Amino acid sequence: MHLNKLLAFTILFIGILGTSCSNIKYISMTEHDPWEDEDRGEIVSSKSEKTAETQNNKTKNKIKVEEEFVEIPDIYEVSCSIDFEEADLQLKSALEEKNYKIIKISHVTKGMREQGRTDFWENMNIYMVCRLSDGYFVLKHNPWLVGLCPIRIYTYKNEEGKLVIGMFRPSLAIKWMGNPDLVAMKVLKTYDKELKEVIDSVCEE
């Protein structure tokens, strides 16, 4: 009888102990000492600040990259009331400032007149320009893109009597890249931006 009471008491004690200990969570001392949470808070805060700073830097870099390039239509044109002779001088000067070389100027209107065609657009010319130092990177892995070189900037007088200056977007060449090349893409996107600036500078009102 005494043994049964002892056994019952033992079982009851173990049950109470198990219930009271069930809410105790395991704390791994390998990670940190819970009493050092206050100091750890400073460390976490410091890490958070560094993470935020890193994210800010990434955002700034992303914005900077986006600012390097511009999105323009496949055919980019501007028109302005300016004499062709003045536009010609300004265009040549602006191209030279950005280190573009004019390979040749094709005087289309002049050629048409020599054939006796008088009902044609006035002041139609094609400026063939390039920057040979970049050609290496554009053509290295895609030699057939040489068919799109040099880049062409054109002029003509529209029906309103204004001089139009335009170009086909240089980065259109990316469509015909059989071998995708990030360096070449960057060069062509740079052409978009720089040649747009050249054209815009001539027609600044």
Protein backbone atom coordinates (compact mmCIF):
# COMPACT_ATOMS: atom_id res chain seq x y z
CA MET A 1 0.00 0.00 0.00
CA HIS A 2 2.81 2.35 0.94
CA LEU A 3 4.58 1.47 -2.30
CA ASN A 4 1.51 2.30 -4.36
CA LYS A 5 1.20 5.73 -2.73
CA LEU A 6 4.88 6.42 -3.42
CA LEU A 7 4.50 5.41 -7.03
CA ALA A 8 1.41 7.60 -7.47
CA PHE A 9 3.20 10.59 -5.89
CA THR A 10 6.20 10.10 -8.18
CA ILE A 11 4.01 10.05 -11.29
CA LEU A 12 2.12 13.18 -10.11
CA PHE A 13 5.39 15.02 -9.42
CA ILE A 14 6.81 14.17 -12.83
CA GLY A 15 3.59 15.39 -14.48
CA ILE A 16 3.70 18.73 -12.66
CA LEU A 17 7.38 19.16 -13.48
CA GLY A 18 6.76 18.40 -17.16
CA THR A 19 3.93 20.93 -17.34
CA SER A 20 5.93 23.68 -15.69
CA CYS A 21 8.92 23.09 -17.95
CA SER A 22 6.96 22.87 -21.17
CA ASN A 23 7.04 26.68 -21.55
CA ILE A 24 10.80 26.92 -21.21
CA LYS A 25 12.41 27.66 -24.59
CA TYR A 26 15.80 26.35 -25.55
CA ILE A 27 18.41 29.10 -25.72
CA SER A 28 21.49 28.41 -27.76
CA MET A 29 24.55 29.94 -26.18
CA THR A 30 26.47 29.43 -29.41
CA GLU A 31 24.58 32.33 -30.99
CA HIS A 32 24.62 34.92 -28.25
CA ASP A 33 24.26 35.46 -24.56
CA PRO A 34 20.66 36.65 -23.91
CA TRP A 35 21.95 39.00 -21.25
CA GLU A 36 23.92 40.81 -23.94
CA ASP A 37 20.84 41.65 -26.01
CA GLU A 38 21.22 45.33 -25.18
CA ASP A 39 24.70 45.45 -26.70
CA ARG A 40 23.54 43.23 -29.52
CA GLY A 41 20.82 45.76 -30.31
CA GLU A 42 23.52 48.31 -31.07
CA ILE A 43 25.24 45.83 -33.37
CA VAL A 44 21.98 45.03 -35.19
CA SER A 45 21.28 48.75 -35.51
CA SER A 46 24.74 49.29 -36.97
CA LYS A 47 24.25 46.46 -39.44
CA SER A 48 20.86 47.87 -40.43
CA GLU A 49 22.43 51.26 -41.09
CA LYS A 50 25.10 49.65 -43.26
CA THR A 51 22.47 47.67 -45.14
CA ALA A 52 20.44 50.83 -45.72
CA GLU A 53 23.56 52.62 -46.90
CA THR A 54 24.35 49.79 -49.30
CA GLN A 55 20.80 49.88 -50.68
CA ASN A 56 21.05 53.66 -51.13
CA ASN A 57 24.33 53.25 -53.00
CA LYS A 58 22.79 50.61 -55.26
CA THR A 59 19.84 52.90 -55.97
CA LYS A 60 22.16 55.81 -56.76
CA ASN A 61 24.25 53.62 -59.06
CA LYS A 62 21.11 52.39 -60.81
CA ILE A 63 19.91 55.96 -61.31
CA LYS A 64 23.35 56.94 -62.59
CA VAL A 65 23.32 54.10 -65.14
CA GLU A 66 19.83 55.07 -66.27
CA GLU A 67 20.95 58.68 -66.65
CA GLU A 68 23.80 57.64 -68.93
CA PHE A 69 21.39 56.54 -71.66
CA VAL A 70 18.24 57.90 -73.28
CA GLU A 71 15.27 56.27 -74.93
CA ILE A 72 14.52 57.79 -78.32
CA PRO A 73 12.30 56.75 -81.27
CA ASP A 74 13.74 54.56 -84.02
CA ILE A 75 13.76 57.65 -86.22
CA TYR A 76 14.69 60.75 -84.27
CA GLU A 77 14.05 64.14 -85.90
CA VAL A 78 13.90 67.77 -84.86
CA SER A 79 12.93 70.75 -86.99
CA CYS A 80 13.77 74.41 -86.65
CA SER A 81 13.82 77.68 -88.56
CA ILE A 82 17.51 77.90 -89.37
CA ASP A 83 19.47 78.41 -92.59
CA PHE A 84 21.16 75.28 -93.86
CA GLU A 85 24.56 76.97 -94.03
CA GLU A 86 24.37 77.89 -90.35
CA ALA A 87 23.08 74.44 -89.40
CA ASP A 88 25.90 72.82 -91.38
CA LEU A 89 28.53 74.76 -89.45
CA GLN A 90 26.92 74.05 -86.07
CA LEU A 91 26.48 70.34 -86.84
CA LYS A 92 30.12 69.93 -87.88
CA SER A 93 31.29 71.78 -84.77
CA ALA A 94 29.07 69.77 -82.39
CA LEU A 95 30.23 66.46 -83.91
CA GLU A 96 33.86 67.50 -83.61
CA GLU A 97 33.41 68.41 -79.94
CA LYS A 98 32.25 64.86 -79.23
CA ASN A 99 35.13 63.35 -81.23
CA TYR A 100 33.05 62.14 -84.18
CA LYS A 101 34.66 62.22 -87.59
CA ILE A 102 32.67 63.10 -90.69
CA ILE A 103 33.72 60.55 -93.30
CA LYS A 104 31.67 62.02 -96.13
CA ILE A 105 28.74 64.31 -96.84
CA SER A 106 26.37 63.18 -99.56
CA HIS A 107 24.55 66.12 -101.18
CA VAL A 108 21.37 64.38 -102.32
CA THR A 109 19.45 67.48 -103.47
CA LYS A 110 22.43 68.63 -105.51
CA GLY A 111 22.65 65.24 -107.20
CA MET A 112 18.95 65.26 -108.02
CA ARG A 113 19.22 68.71 -109.59
CA GLU A 114 22.13 67.57 -111.71
CA GLN A 115 19.74 64.95 -113.09
CA GLY A 116 17.20 67.68 -113.89
CA ARG A 117 14.81 66.79 -111.02
CA THR A 118 13.63 70.09 -109.58
CA ASP A 119 10.51 68.84 -107.75
CA PHE A 120 12.48 67.41 -104.86
CA TRP A 121 13.24 68.15 -101.21
CA GLU A 122 15.52 71.11 -100.51
CA ASN A 123 18.70 70.83 -98.45
CA MET A 124 18.68 67.01 -98.33
CA ASN A 125 22.11 65.86 -97.22
CA ILE A 126 23.58 62.84 -95.45
CA TYR A 127 26.45 63.19 -92.97
CA MET A 128 28.30 59.91 -92.56
CA VAL A 129 29.97 59.95 -89.15
CA CYS A 130 31.88 57.53 -86.99
CA ARG A 131 34.25 57.20 -84.07
CA LEU A 132 36.73 54.60 -85.22
CA SER A 133 38.02 53.86 -81.71
CA ASP A 134 34.56 52.48 -80.83
CA GLY A 135 34.22 50.48 -84.02
CA TYR A 136 36.47 47.77 -82.63
CA PHE A 137 34.05 47.02 -79.81
CA VAL A 138 30.91 47.17 -81.97
CA LEU A 139 32.27 44.94 -84.75
CA LYS A 140 34.52 42.55 -82.79
CA HIS A 141 31.83 39.88 -82.31
CA ASN A 142 29.34 41.06 -84.95
CA PRO A 143 31.33 41.91 -88.11
CA TRP A 144 28.20 42.20 -90.31
CA LEU A 145 27.20 45.36 -88.40
CA VAL A 146 29.82 47.11 -90.51
CA GLY A 147 26.96 47.36 -93.03
CA LEU A 148 25.37 49.92 -90.70
CA CYS A 149 28.56 51.96 -90.42
CA PRO A 150 29.16 54.82 -90.58
CA ILE A 151 26.19 56.32 -88.76
CA ARG A 152 24.10 58.68 -90.84
CA ILE A 153 22.70 62.04 -89.80
CA TYR A 154 20.48 63.63 -92.43
CA THR A 155 18.89 66.98 -93.22
CA TYR A 156 16.08 68.18 -95.46
CA LYS A 157 13.65 71.11 -95.62
CA ASN A 158 10.10 70.03 -94.85
CA GLU A 159 6.81 71.29 -96.33
CA GLU A 160 6.60 74.01 -93.67
CA GLY A 161 9.93 75.39 -94.82
CA LYS A 162 11.77 74.28 -91.66
CA LEU A 163 15.06 72.43 -91.69
CA VAL A 164 14.78 68.89 -90.34
CA ILE A 165 17.78 67.19 -88.78
CA GLY A 166 17.48 63.51 -87.90
CA MET A 167 18.93 60.04 -87.72
CA PHE A 168 18.00 56.40 -87.36
CA ARG A 169 18.70 55.44 -83.76
CA PRO A 170 22.22 53.86 -83.72
CA SER A 171 21.23 51.24 -81.13
CA LEU A 172 18.81 49.73 -83.67
CA ALA A 173 21.87 47.70 -84.66
CA ILE A 174 21.34 45.65 -81.48
CA LYS A 175 18.44 43.93 -83.28
CA TRP A 176 20.88 42.36 -85.70
CA MET A 177 23.43 41.23 -83.14
CA GLY A 178 23.85 37.50 -83.63
CA ASN A 179 26.31 37.51 -80.75
CA PRO A 180 24.98 39.66 -77.90
CA ASP A 181 27.76 41.89 -76.63
CA LEU A 182 27.16 44.13 -73.60
CA VAL A 183 30.13 46.37 -74.41
CA ALA A 184 28.89 46.95 -77.96
CA MET A 185 25.37 47.62 -76.67
CA LYS A 186 26.71 50.25 -74.30
CA VAL A 187 28.65 51.92 -77.13
CA LEU A 188 25.56 52.04 -79.35
CA LYS A 189 23.41 53.39 -76.52
CA THR A 190 26.06 56.05 -75.94
CA TYR A 191 25.77 57.00 -79.61
CA ASP A 192 22.01 57.44 -79.13
CA LYS A 193 22.57 59.90 -76.31
CA GLU A 194 25.49 61.84 -77.78
CA LEU A 195 24.13 62.20 -81.30
CA LYS A 196 20.74 63.25 -79.95
CA GLU A 197 22.57 65.98 -78.03
CA VAL A 198 24.37 66.99 -81.21
CA ILE A 199 21.13 67.28 -83.19
CA ASP A 200 19.32 69.09 -80.37
CA SER A 201 22.16 71.60 -80.01
CA VAL A 202 21.76 72.70 -83.64
CA CYS A 203 18.02 73.29 -83.26
CA GLU A 204 18.04 74.99 -79.89
CA GLU A 205 15.48 77.77 -80.05
